[in-house]
Amino acid sequence: MAYSITVELSSKRLTLYKNGSAIRSYPVGIGKMLTPTPTGTYHIINKHPNPGGVFGVMWMGLSKPSYGIHGTNDPSSIGHLVSHGCIRMYNRDVLMLSQLVPIGTQVTIVN
């Protein structure tokens, strides 16, 4: 099973693909105007459960240093431009996603 992730900044949505077909879509919070989420193609390089604080219940680090997909301790931030460039998800969503995708999964971030 080949999984991939696309984050569409304009719609603030993360879509999970399996073998090229969209299977799930989640709302996300993204970077603020001064600290935007970087576009490009990256890979998940690590996973850390329960990192605490603003990272919620899961951190999945990207191959772009200091950026990741993570949960949040502020669910009202989802759907807004709020982070320092990371991709925020509801805790339940990031847990589900982290159980499906392996380290090495491609993450493409587009406008």
PDB file of N, CA and C in Angstrom:
ATOM      1  N   MET A   1       0.848  -1.192   0.000  1.00  0.00           N
ATOM      2  CA  MET A   1       0.000   0.000   0.000  1.00  0.00           C
ATOM      3  C   MET A   1       0.880   1.238   0.000  1.00  0.00           C
ATOM      4  N   ALA A   2       0.726   2.058  -0.992  1.00  0.00           N
ATOM      5  CA  ALA A   2       1.506   3.285  -1.072  1.00  0.00           C
ATOM      6  C   ALA A   2       0.631   4.463  -0.641  1.00  0.00           C
ATOM      7  N   TYR A   3       0.974   5.065   0.479  1.00  0.00           N
ATOM      8  CA  TYR A   3       0.253   6.242   0.965  1.00  0.00           C
ATOM      9  C   TYR A   3       1.016   7.500   0.571  1.00  0.00           C
ATOM     10  N   SER A   4       0.275   8.579   0.370  1.00  0.00           N
ATOM     11  CA  SER A   4       0.859   9.900   0.187  1.00  0.00           C
ATOM     12  C   SER A   4      -0.115  10.917   0.766  1.00  0.00           C
ATOM     13  N   ILE A   5       0.411  12.090   1.051  1.00  0.00           N
ATOM     14  CA  ILE A   5      -0.378  13.160   1.665  1.00  0.00           C
ATOM     15  C   ILE A   5      -0.206  14.414   0.833  1.00  0.00           C
ATOM     16  N   THR A   6      -1.318  15.118   0.606  1.00  0.00           N
ATOM     17  CA  THR A   6      -1.266  16.447   0.004  1.00  0.00           C
ATOM     18  C   THR A   6      -1.930  17.422   0.962  1.00  0.00           C
ATOM     19  N   VAL A   7      -1.256  18.540   1.216  1.00  0.00           N
ATOM     20  CA  VAL A   7      -1.818  19.622   2.022  1.00  0.00           C
ATOM     21  C   VAL A   7      -2.077  20.775   1.076  1.00  0.00           C
ATOM     22  N   GLU A   8      -3.337  21.187   0.992  1.00  0.00           N
ATOM     23  CA  GLU A   8      -3.717  22.315   0.144  1.00  0.00           C
ATOM     24  C   GLU A   8      -3.933  23.530   1.051  1.00  0.00           C
ATOM     25  N   LEU A   9      -3.010  24.480   0.958  1.00  0.00           N
ATOM     26  CA  LEU A   9      -3.045  25.630   1.859  1.00  0.00           C
ATOM     27  C   LEU A   9      -4.281  26.496   1.642  1.00  0.00           C
ATOM     28  N   SER A  10      -4.692  26.694   0.387  1.00  0.00           N
ATOM     29  CA  SER A  10      -5.825  27.582   0.110  1.00  0.00           C
ATOM     30  C   SER A  10      -7.118  27.082   0.748  1.00  0.00           C
ATOM     31  N   SER A  11      -7.299  25.770   0.816  1.00  0.00           N
ATOM     32  CA  SER A  11      -8.524  25.228   1.415  1.00  0.00           C
ATOM     33  C   SER A  11      -8.307  24.756   2.854  1.00  0.00           C
ATOM     34  N   LYS A  12      -7.036  24.826   3.316  1.00  0.00           N
ATOM     35  CA  LYS A  12      -6.682  24.379   4.663  1.00  0.00           C
ATOM     36  C   LYS A  12      -7.160  22.947   4.892  1.00  0.00           C
ATOM     37  N   ARG A  13      -6.777  22.054   3.949  1.00  0.00           N
ATOM     38  CA  ARG A  13      -7.159  20.639   4.023  1.00  0.00           C
ATOM     39  C   ARG A  13      -5.961  19.743   3.750  1.00  0.00           C
ATOM     40  N   LEU A  14      -5.914  18.651   4.478  1.00  0.00           N
ATOM     41  CA  LEU A  14      -4.929  17.605   4.265  1.00  0.00           C
ATOM     42  C   LEU A  14      -5.684  16.407   3.708  1.00  0.00           C
ATOM     43  N   THR A  15      -5.213  15.878   2.591  1.00  0.00           N
ATOM     44  CA  THR A  15      -5.852  14.719   1.976  1.00  0.00           C
ATOM     45  C   THR A  15      -4.877  13.554   1.976  1.00  0.00           C
ATOM     46  N   LEU A  16      -5.371  12.420   2.412  1.00  0.00           N
ATOM     47  CA  LEU A  16      -4.589  11.189   2.427  1.00  0.00           C
ATOM     48  C   LEU A  16      -4.965  10.359   1.208  1.00  0.00           C
ATOM     49  N   TYR A  17      -3.944   9.924   0.482  1.00  0.00           N
ATOM     50  CA  TYR A  17      -4.126   9.093  -0.710  1.00  0.00           C
ATOM     51  C   TYR A  17      -3.562   7.705  -0.453  1.00  0.00           C
ATOM     52  N   LYS A  18      -4.236   6.723  -1.005  1.00  0.00           N
ATOM     53  CA  LYS A  18      -3.753   5.337  -0.976  1.00  0.00           C
ATOM     54  C   LYS A  18      -3.741   4.852  -2.413  1.00  0.00           C
ATOM     55  N   ASN A  19      -2.551   4.501  -2.903  1.00  0.00           N
ATOM     56  CA  ASN A  19      -2.391   4.078  -4.304  1.00  0.00           C
ATOM     57  C   ASN A  19      -2.998   5.084  -5.279  1.00  0.00           C
ATOM     58  N   GLY A  20      -2.850   6.380  -4.975  1.00  0.00           N
ATOM     59  CA  GLY A  20      -3.298   7.433  -5.873  1.00  0.00           C
ATOM     60  C   GLY A  20      -4.740   7.862  -5.727  1.00  0.00           C
ATOM     61  N   SER A  21      -5.519   7.194  -4.876  1.00  0.00           N
ATOM     62  CA  SER A  21      -6.930   7.553  -4.670  1.00  0.00           C
ATOM     63  C   SER A  21      -7.115   8.198  -3.303  1.00  0.00           C
ATOM     64  N   ALA A  22      -7.840   9.315  -3.281  1.00  0.00           N
ATOM     65  CA  ALA A  22      -8.112   9.992  -2.014  1.00  0.00           C
ATOM     66  C   ALA A  22      -8.991   9.102  -1.144  1.00  0.00           C
ATOM     67  N   ILE A  23      -8.551   8.876   0.099  1.00  0.00           N
ATOM     68  CA  ILE A  23      -9.349   8.043   1.001  1.00  0.00           C
ATOM     69  C   ILE A  23      -9.827   8.799   2.236  1.00  0.00           C
ATOM     70  N   ARG A  24      -9.165   9.890   2.602  1.00  0.00           N
ATOM     71  CA  ARG A  24      -9.589  10.706   3.744  1.00  0.00           C
ATOM     72  C   ARG A  24      -9.151  12.143   3.521  1.00  0.00           C
ATOM     73  N   SER A  25      -9.920  13.054   4.108  1.00  0.00           N
ATOM     74  CA  SER A  25      -9.564  14.468   4.045  1.00  0.00           C
ATOM     75  C   SER A  25      -9.848  15.078   5.412  1.00  0.00           C
ATOM     76  N   TYR A  26      -8.929  15.930   5.861  1.00  0.00           N
ATOM     77  CA  TYR A  26      -9.035  16.514   7.193  1.00  0.00           C
ATOM     78  C   TYR A  26      -8.833  18.028   7.122  1.00  0.00           C
ATOM     79  N   PRO A  27      -9.543  18.788   7.976  1.00  0.00           N
ATOM     80  CA  PRO A  27      -9.255  20.220   8.092  1.00  0.00           C
ATOM     81  C   PRO A  27      -7.958  20.415   8.867  1.00  0.00           C
ATOM     82  N   VAL A  28      -7.199  21.450   8.528  1.00  0.00           N
ATOM     83  CA  VAL A  28      -5.937  21.730   9.213  1.00  0.00           C
ATOM     84  C   VAL A  28      -5.790  23.212   9.503  1.00  0.00           C
ATOM     85  N   GLY A  29      -4.936  23.535  10.440  1.00  0.00           N
ATOM     86  CA  GLY A  29      -4.471  24.892  10.661  1.00  0.00           C
ATOM     87  C   GLY A  29      -3.089  24.994  10.041  1.00  0.00           C
ATOM     88  N   ILE A  30      -2.766  26.161   9.496  1.00  0.00           N
ATOM     89  CA  ILE A  30      -1.489  26.328   8.791  1.00  0.00           C
ATOM     90  C   ILE A  30      -0.763  27.577   9.289  1.00  0.00           C
ATOM     91  N   GLY A  31       0.381  27.852   8.680  1.00  0.00           N
ATOM     92  CA  GLY A  31       1.223  28.961   9.099  1.00  0.00           C
ATOM     93  C   GLY A  31       0.585  30.329   8.933  1.00  0.00           C
ATOM     94  N   LYS A  32       0.976  31.227   9.842  1.00  0.00           N
ATOM     95  CA  LYS A  32       0.552  32.623   9.785  1.00  0.00           C
ATOM     96  C   LYS A  32       1.227  33.326   8.605  1.00  0.00           C
ATOM     97  N   MET A  33       0.765  34.526   8.303  1.00  0.00           N
ATOM     98  CA  MET A  33       1.328  35.288   7.192  1.00  0.00           C
ATOM     99  C   MET A  33       2.836  35.510   7.369  1.00  0.00           C
ATOM    100  N   LEU A  34       3.281  35.762   8.578  1.00  0.00           N
ATOM    101  CA  LEU A  34       4.702  36.019   8.827  1.00  0.00           C
ATOM    102  C   LEU A  34       5.529  34.740   8.918  1.00  0.00           C
ATOM    103  N   THR A  35       4.871  33.615   9.166  1.00  0.00           N
ATOM    104  CA  THR A  35       5.559  32.322   9.263  1.00  0.00           C
ATOM    105  C   THR A  35       4.770  31.285   8.458  1.00  0.00           C
ATOM    106  N   PRO A  36       4.750  31.440   7.135  1.00  0.00           N
ATOM    107  CA  PRO A  36       3.897  30.580   6.305  1.00  0.00           C
ATOM    108  C   PRO A  36       4.377  29.129   6.249  1.00  0.00           C
ATOM    109  N   THR A  37       3.441  28.252   5.975  1.00  0.00           N
ATOM    110  CA  THR A  37       3.772  26.847   5.754  1.00  0.00           C
ATOM    111  C   THR A  37       4.499  26.745   4.415  1.00  0.00           C
ATOM    112  N   PRO A  38       5.656  26.105   4.389  1.00  0.00           N
ATOM    113  CA  PRO A  38       6.436  26.039   3.148  1.00  0.00           C
ATOM    114  C   PRO A  38       5.827  25.056   2.141  1.00  0.00           C
ATOM    115  N   THR A  39       5.740  25.484   0.886  1.00  0.00           N
ATOM    116  CA  THR A  39       5.285  24.573  -0.161  1.00  0.00           C
ATOM    117  C   THR A  39       6.460  23.705  -0.601  1.00  0.00           C
ATOM    118  N   GLY A  40       6.130  22.575  -1.186  1.00  0.00           N
ATOM    119  CA  GLY A  40       7.169  21.673  -1.665  1.00  0.00           C
ATOM    120  C   GLY A  40       6.811  20.233  -1.362  1.00  0.00           C
ATOM    121  N   THR A  41       7.743  19.348  -1.664  1.00  0.00           N
ATOM    122  CA  THR A  41       7.554  17.921  -1.423  1.00  0.00           C
ATOM    123  C   THR A  41       8.559  17.463  -0.384  1.00  0.00           C
ATOM    124  N   TYR A  42       8.034  16.856   0.665  1.00  0.00           N
ATOM    125  CA  TYR A  42       8.838  16.408   1.796  1.00  0.00           C
ATOM    126  C   TYR A  42       8.457  14.965   2.125  1.00  0.00           C
ATOM    127  N   HIS A  43       9.042  14.432   3.191  1.00  0.00           N
ATOM    128  CA  HIS A  43       8.713  13.092   3.655  1.00  0.00           C
ATOM    129  C   HIS A  43       8.606  13.114   5.175  1.00  0.00           C
ATOM    130  N   ILE A  44       7.784  12.230   5.719  1.00  0.00           N
ATOM    131  CA  ILE A  44       7.718  12.063   7.172  1.00  0.00           C
ATOM    132  C   ILE A  44       8.983  11.324   7.601  1.00  0.00           C
ATOM    133  N   ILE A  45       9.723  11.932   8.524  1.00  0.00           N
ATOM    134  CA  ILE A  45      10.994  11.321   8.931  1.00  0.00           C
ATOM    135  C   ILE A  45      10.967  10.747  10.349  1.00  0.00           C
ATOM    136  N   ASN A  46       9.972  11.138  11.158  1.00  0.00           N
ATOM    137  CA  ASN A  46       9.865  10.577  12.503  1.00  0.00           C
ATOM    138  C   ASN A  46       8.468  10.795  13.058  1.00  0.00           C
ATOM    139  N   LYS A  47       8.166  10.075  14.117  1.00  0.00           N
ATOM    140  CA  LYS A  47       6.891  10.219  14.824  1.00  0.00           C
ATOM    141  C   LYS A  47       7.180  10.214  16.315  1.00  0.00           C
ATOM    142  N   HIS A  48       6.561  11.161  17.024  1.00  0.00           N
ATOM    143  CA  HIS A  48       6.736  11.237  18.468  1.00  0.00           C
ATOM    144  C   HIS A  48       5.363  11.376  19.120  1.00  0.00           C
ATOM    145  N   PRO A  49       4.867  10.313  19.765  1.00  0.00           N
ATOM    146  CA  PRO A  49       3.594  10.432  20.472  1.00  0.00           C
ATOM    147  C   PRO A  49       3.745  11.283  21.725  1.00  0.00           C
ATOM    148  N   ASN A  50       2.673  11.993  22.046  1.00  0.00           N
ATOM    149  CA  ASN A  50       2.580  12.806  23.260  1.00  0.00           C
ATOM    150  C   ASN A  50       3.736  13.776  23.459  1.00  0.00           C
ATOM    151  N   PRO A  51       4.018  14.622  22.440  1.00  0.00           N
ATOM    152  CA  PRO A  51       5.094  15.610  22.624  1.00  0.00           C
ATOM    153  C   PRO A  51       4.696  16.723  23.586  1.00  0.00           C
ATOM    154  N   GLY A  52       3.386  16.869  23.817  1.00  0.00           N
ATOM    155  CA  GLY A  52       2.892  17.843  24.788  1.00  0.00           C
ATOM    156  C   GLY A  52       2.735  19.245  24.225  1.00  0.00           C
ATOM    157  N   GLY A  53       2.165  20.095  25.054  1.00  0.00           N
ATOM    158  CA  GLY A  53       1.985  21.503  24.708  1.00  0.00           C
ATOM    159  C   GLY A  53       1.209  21.724  23.428  1.00  0.00           C
ATOM    160  N   VAL A  54       1.683  22.679  22.633  1.00  0.00           N
ATOM    161  CA  VAL A  54       0.970  23.064  21.413  1.00  0.00           C
ATOM    162  C   VAL A  54       0.952  21.953  20.368  1.00  0.00           C
ATOM    163  N   PHE A  55       1.759  20.898  20.562  1.00  0.00           N
ATOM    164  CA  PHE A  55       1.839  19.820  19.576  1.00  0.00           C
ATOM    165  C   PHE A  55       0.813  18.715  19.808  1.00  0.00           C
ATOM    166  N   GLY A  56      -0.016  18.843  20.837  1.00  0.00           N
ATOM    167  CA  GLY A  56      -1.079  17.878  21.060  1.00  0.00           C
ATOM    168  C   GLY A  56      -0.558  16.479  21.324  1.00  0.00           C
ATOM    169  N   VAL A  57      -1.223  15.473  20.731  1.00  0.00           N
ATOM    170  CA  VAL A  57      -0.947  14.071  21.057  1.00  0.00           C
ATOM    171  C   VAL A  57       0.042  13.388  20.120  1.00  0.00           C
ATOM    172  N   MET A  58       0.456  14.069  19.032  1.00  0.00           N
ATOM    173  CA  MET A  58       1.354  13.409  18.073  1.00  0.00           C
ATOM    174  C   MET A  58       2.123  14.451  17.278  1.00  0.00           C
ATOM    175  N   TRP A  59       3.399  14.168  17.059  1.00  0.00           N
ATOM    176  CA  TRP A  59       4.263  14.956  16.176  1.00  0.00           C
ATOM    177  C   TRP A  59       4.797  14.030  15.099  1.00  0.00           C
ATOM    178  N   MET A  60       4.618  14.412  13.833  1.00  0.00           N
ATOM    179  CA  MET A  60       5.236  13.702  12.716  1.00  0.00           C
ATOM    180  C   MET A  60       6.133  14.712  12.007  1.00  0.00           C
ATOM    181  N   GLY A  61       7.440  14.553  12.197  1.00  0.00           N
ATOM    182  CA  GLY A  61       8.403  15.487  11.635  1.00  0.00           C
ATOM    183  C   GLY A  61       8.563  15.308  10.142  1.00  0.00           C
ATOM    184  N   LEU A  62       8.739  16.426   9.447  1.00  0.00           N
ATOM    185  CA  LEU A  62       8.957  16.403   8.004  1.00  0.00           C
ATOM    186  C   LEU A  62      10.448  16.534   7.689  1.00  0.00           C
ATOM    187  N   SER A  63      10.806  16.179   6.470  1.00  0.00           N
ATOM    188  CA  SER A  63      12.200  16.259   6.041  1.00  0.00           C
ATOM    189  C   SER A  63      12.680  17.702   5.914  1.00  0.00           C
ATOM    190  N   LYS A  64      11.783  18.673   6.032  1.00  0.00           N
ATOM    191  CA  LYS A  64      12.190  20.076   6.133  1.00  0.00           C
ATOM    192  C   LYS A  64      12.369  20.351   7.624  1.00  0.00           C
ATOM    193  N   PRO A  65      13.600  20.597   8.072  1.00  0.00           N
ATOM    194  CA  PRO A  65      13.861  20.735   9.508  1.00  0.00           C
ATOM    195  C   PRO A  65      12.942  21.750  10.202  1.00  0.00           C
ATOM    196  N   SER A  66      12.496  21.394  11.387  1.00  0.00           N
ATOM    197  CA  SER A  66      11.648  22.209  12.267  1.00  0.00           C
ATOM    198  C   SER A  66      10.187  22.275  11.835  1.00  0.00           C
ATOM    199  N   TYR A  67       9.790  21.522  10.810  1.00  0.00           N
ATOM    200  CA  TYR A  67       8.396  21.520  10.363  1.00  0.00           C
ATOM    201  C   TYR A  67       7.805  20.136  10.540  1.00  0.00           C
ATOM    202  N   GLY A  68       6.496  20.112  10.797  1.00  0.00           N
ATOM    203  CA  GLY A  68       5.843  18.830  10.971  1.00  0.00           C
ATOM    204  C   GLY A  68       4.334  18.934  10.879  1.00  0.00           C
ATOM    205  N   ILE A  69       3.731  17.776  10.979  1.00  0.00           N
ATOM    206  CA  ILE A  69       2.281  17.632  11.090  1.00  0.00           C
ATOM    207  C   ILE A  69       2.040  17.204  12.531  1.00  0.00           C
ATOM    208  N   HIS A  70       1.174  17.922  13.235  1.00  0.00           N
ATOM    209  CA  HIS A  70       0.987  17.600  14.650  1.00  0.00           C
ATOM    210  C   HIS A  70      -0.428  17.901  15.112  1.00  0.00           C
ATOM    211  N   GLY A  71      -0.746  17.404  16.289  1.00  0.00           N
ATOM    212  CA  GLY A  71      -2.018  17.712  16.930  1.00  0.00           C
ATOM    213  C   GLY A  71      -1.970  19.105  17.520  1.00  0.00           C
ATOM    214  N   THR A  72      -2.967  19.423  18.344  1.00  0.00           N
ATOM    215  CA  THR A  72      -2.998  20.752  18.950  1.00  0.00           C
ATOM    216  C   THR A  72      -3.699  20.713  20.298  1.00  0.00           C
ATOM    217  N   ASN A  73      -3.293  21.604  21.188  1.00  0.00           N
ATOM    218  CA  ASN A  73      -3.995  21.774  22.454  1.00  0.00           C
ATOM    219  C   ASN A  73      -5.043  22.881  22.328  1.00  0.00           C
ATOM    220  N   ASP A  74      -5.229  23.414  21.107  1.00  0.00           N
ATOM    221  CA  ASP A  74      -6.201  24.474  20.843  1.00  0.00           C
ATOM    222  C   ASP A  74      -7.029  24.105  19.611  1.00  0.00           C
ATOM    223  N   PRO A  75      -8.060  23.263  19.777  1.00  0.00           N
ATOM    224  CA  PRO A  75      -8.835  22.818  18.620  1.00  0.00           C
ATOM    225  C   PRO A  75      -9.490  23.958  17.831  1.00  0.00           C
ATOM    226  N   SER A  76      -9.703  25.115  18.464  1.00  0.00           N
ATOM    227  CA  SER A  76     -10.326  26.233  17.741  1.00  0.00           C
ATOM    228  C   SER A  76      -9.384  26.821  16.690  1.00  0.00           C
ATOM    229  N   SER A  77      -8.109  26.422  16.705  1.00  0.00           N
ATOM    230  CA  SER A  77      -7.151  26.954  15.728  1.00  0.00           C
ATOM    231  C   SER A  77      -7.242  26.247  14.374  1.00  0.00           C
ATOM    232  N   ILE A  78      -7.895  25.101  14.321  1.00  0.00           N
ATOM    233  CA  ILE A  78      -8.001  24.356  13.068  1.00  0.00           C
ATOM    234  C   ILE A  78      -8.838  25.165  12.074  1.00  0.00           C
ATOM    235  N   GLY A  79      -8.347  25.232  10.843  1.00  0.00           N
ATOM    236  CA  GLY A  79      -9.045  26.005   9.820  1.00  0.00           C
ATOM    237  C   GLY A  79      -8.561  27.443   9.714  1.00  0.00           C
ATOM    238  N   HIS A  80      -7.518  27.771  10.466  1.00  0.00           N
ATOM    239  CA  HIS A  80      -7.024  29.157  10.493  1.00  0.00           C
ATOM    240  C   HIS A  80      -5.525  29.218  10.219  1.00  0.00           C
ATOM    241  N   LEU A  81      -5.037  30.437   9.970  1.00  0.00           N
ATOM    242  CA  LEU A  81      -3.608  30.697   9.793  1.00  0.00           C
ATOM    243  C   LEU A  81      -3.050  31.050  11.168  1.00  0.00           C
ATOM    244  N   VAL A  82      -2.480  30.051  11.845  1.00  0.00           N
ATOM    245  CA  VAL A  82      -2.143  30.234  13.254  1.00  0.00           C
ATOM    246  C   VAL A  82      -0.761  29.754  13.659  1.00  0.00           C
ATOM    247  N   SER A  83      -0.132  28.900  12.872  1.00  0.00           N
ATOM    248  CA  SER A  83       1.094  28.246  13.343  1.00  0.00           C
ATOM    249  C   SER A  83       2.344  28.993  12.880  1.00  0.00           C
ATOM    250  N   HIS A  84       3.489  28.458  13.283  1.00  0.00           N
ATOM    251  CA  HIS A  84       4.783  28.976  12.824  1.00  0.00           C
ATOM    252  C   HIS A  84       5.229  28.239  11.565  1.00  0.00           C
ATOM    253  N   GLY A  85       4.272  27.674  10.837  1.00  0.00           N
ATOM    254  CA  GLY A  85       4.565  26.998   9.578  1.00  0.00           C
ATOM    255  C   GLY A  85       4.191  25.528   9.579  1.00  0.00           C
ATOM    256  N   CYS A  86       3.954  24.972  10.764  1.00  0.00           N
ATOM    257  CA  CYS A  86       3.570  23.562  10.839  1.00  0.00           C
ATOM    258  C   CYS A  86       2.107  23.380  10.428  1.00  0.00           C
ATOM    259  N   ILE A  87       1.744  22.124  10.261  1.00  0.00           N
ATOM    260  CA  ILE A  87       0.382  21.755   9.893  1.00  0.00           C
ATOM    261  C   ILE A  87      -0.275  21.166  11.134  1.00  0.00           C
ATOM    262  N   ARG A  88      -1.296  21.854  11.632  1.00  0.00           N
ATOM    263  CA  ARG A  88      -2.000  21.423  12.843  1.00  0.00           C
ATOM    264  C   ARG A  88      -3.248  20.637  12.462  1.00  0.00           C
ATOM    265  N   MET A  89      -3.509  19.595  13.239  1.00  0.00           N
ATOM    266  CA  MET A  89      -4.703  18.776  13.040  1.00  0.00           C
ATOM    267  C   MET A  89      -5.396  18.562  14.382  1.00  0.00           C
ATOM    268  N   TYR A  90      -6.697  18.248  14.314  1.00  0.00           N
ATOM    269  CA  TYR A  90      -7.374  17.803  15.533  1.00  0.00           C
ATOM    270  C   TYR A  90      -6.631  16.574  16.052  1.00  0.00           C
ATOM    271  N   ASN A  91      -6.547  16.432  17.359  1.00  0.00           N
ATOM    272  CA  ASN A  91      -5.808  15.313  17.940  1.00  0.00           C
ATOM    273  C   ASN A  91      -6.315  13.963  17.439  1.00  0.00           C
ATOM    274  N   ARG A  92      -7.630  13.791  17.357  1.00  0.00           N
ATOM    275  CA  ARG A  92      -8.163  12.498  16.905  1.00  0.00           C
ATOM    276  C   ARG A  92      -7.757  12.222  15.461  1.00  0.00           C
ATOM    277  N   ASP A  93      -7.685  13.283  14.634  1.00  0.00           N
ATOM    278  CA  ASP A  93      -7.319  13.116  13.225  1.00  0.00           C
ATOM    279  C   ASP A  93      -5.842  12.768  13.066  1.00  0.00           C
ATOM    280  N   VAL A  94      -4.973  13.449  13.805  1.00  0.00           N
ATOM    281  CA  VAL A  94      -3.539  13.177  13.662  1.00  0.00           C
ATOM    282  C   VAL A  94      -3.200  11.786  14.191  1.00  0.00           C
ATOM    283  N   LEU A  95      -3.925  11.324  15.204  1.00  0.00           N
ATOM    284  CA  LEU A  95      -3.699   9.961  15.693  1.00  0.00           C
ATOM    285  C   LEU A  95      -4.082   8.940  14.632  1.00  0.00           C
ATOM    286  N   MET A  96      -5.243   9.147  13.996  1.00  0.00           N
ATOM    287  CA  MET A  96      -5.695   8.235  12.941  1.00  0.00           C
ATOM    288  C   MET A  96      -4.699   8.230  11.781  1.00  0.00           C
ATOM    289  N   LEU A  97      -4.280   9.420  11.368  1.00  0.00           N
ATOM    290  CA  LEU A  97      -3.336   9.544  10.260  1.00  0.00           C
ATOM    291  C   LEU A  97      -2.007   8.859  10.601  1.00  0.00           C
ATOM    292  N   SER A  98      -1.515   9.079  11.804  1.00  0.00           N
ATOM    293  CA  SER A  98      -0.209   8.528  12.177  1.00  0.00           C
ATOM    294  C   SER A  98      -0.229   7.006  12.238  1.00  0.00           C
ATOM    295  N   GLN A  99      -1.375   6.422  12.494  1.00  0.00           N
ATOM    296  CA  GLN A  99      -1.484   4.960  12.516  1.00  0.00           C
ATOM    297  C   GLN A  99      -1.486   4.379  11.107  1.00  0.00           C
ATOM    298  N   LEU A 100      -1.887   5.182  10.122  1.00  0.00           N
ATOM    299  CA  LEU A 100      -1.968   4.697   8.742  1.00  0.00           C
ATOM    300  C   LEU A 100      -0.672   4.864   7.964  1.00  0.00           C
ATOM    301  N   VAL A 101      -0.022   6.015   8.130  1.00  0.00           N
ATOM    302  CA  VAL A 101       1.121   6.313   7.258  1.00  0.00           C
ATOM    303  C   VAL A 101       2.445   5.936   7.907  1.00  0.00           C
ATOM    304  N   PRO A 102       3.319   5.289   7.162  1.00  0.00           N
ATOM    305  CA  PRO A 102       4.632   4.938   7.702  1.00  0.00           C
ATOM    306  C   PRO A 102       5.621   6.089   7.561  1.00  0.00           C
ATOM    307  N   ILE A 103       6.704   6.005   8.309  1.00  0.00           N
ATOM    308  CA  ILE A 103       7.819   6.927   8.105  1.00  0.00           C
ATOM    309  C   ILE A 103       8.280   6.752   6.648  1.00  0.00           C
ATOM    310  N   GLY A 104       8.577   7.866   5.999  1.00  0.00           N
ATOM    311  CA  GLY A 104       8.938   7.846   4.585  1.00  0.00           C
ATOM    312  C   GLY A 104       7.812   8.280   3.674  1.00  0.00           C
ATOM    313  N   THR A 105       6.584   8.415   4.219  1.00  0.00           N
ATOM    314  CA  THR A 105       5.446   8.840   3.406  1.00  0.00           C
ATOM    315  C   THR A 105       5.702  10.217   2.820  1.00  0.00           C
ATOM    316  N   GLN A 106       5.412  10.381   1.531  1.00  0.00           N
ATOM    317  CA  GLN A 106       5.576  11.673   0.855  1.00  0.00           C
ATOM    318  C   GLN A 106       4.478  12.635   1.278  1.00  0.00           C
ATOM    319  N   VAL A 107       4.869  13.867   1.549  1.00  0.00           N
ATOM    320  CA  VAL A 107       3.954  14.945   1.903  1.00  0.00           C
ATOM    321  C   VAL A 107       4.191  16.093   0.925  1.00  0.00           C
ATOM    322  N   THR A 108       3.188  16.415   0.131  1.00  0.00           N
ATOM    323  CA  THR A 108       3.275  17.514  -0.826  1.00  0.00           C
ATOM    324  C   THR A 108       2.410  18.653  -0.339  1.00  0.00           C
ATOM    325  N   ILE A 109       3.011  19.840  -0.205  1.00  0.00           N
ATOM    326  CA  ILE A 109       2.293  21.023   0.253  1.00  0.00           C
ATOM    327  C   ILE A 109       2.184  21.993  -0.924  1.00  0.00           C
ATOM    328  N   VAL A 110       0.946  22.331  -1.271  1.00  0.00           N
ATOM    329  CA  VAL A 110       0.682  23.204  -2.413  1.00  0.00           C
ATOM    330  C   VAL A 110      -0.157  24.394  -1.964  1.00  0.00           C
ATOM    331  N   ASN A 111      -0.094  25.472  -2.790  1.00  0.00           N
ATOM    332  CA  ASN A 111      -0.928  26.626  -2.489  1.00  0.00           C
ATOM    333  C   ASN A 111      -2.373  26.294  -2.765  1.00  0.00           C
TER     334      ASN A 111
END
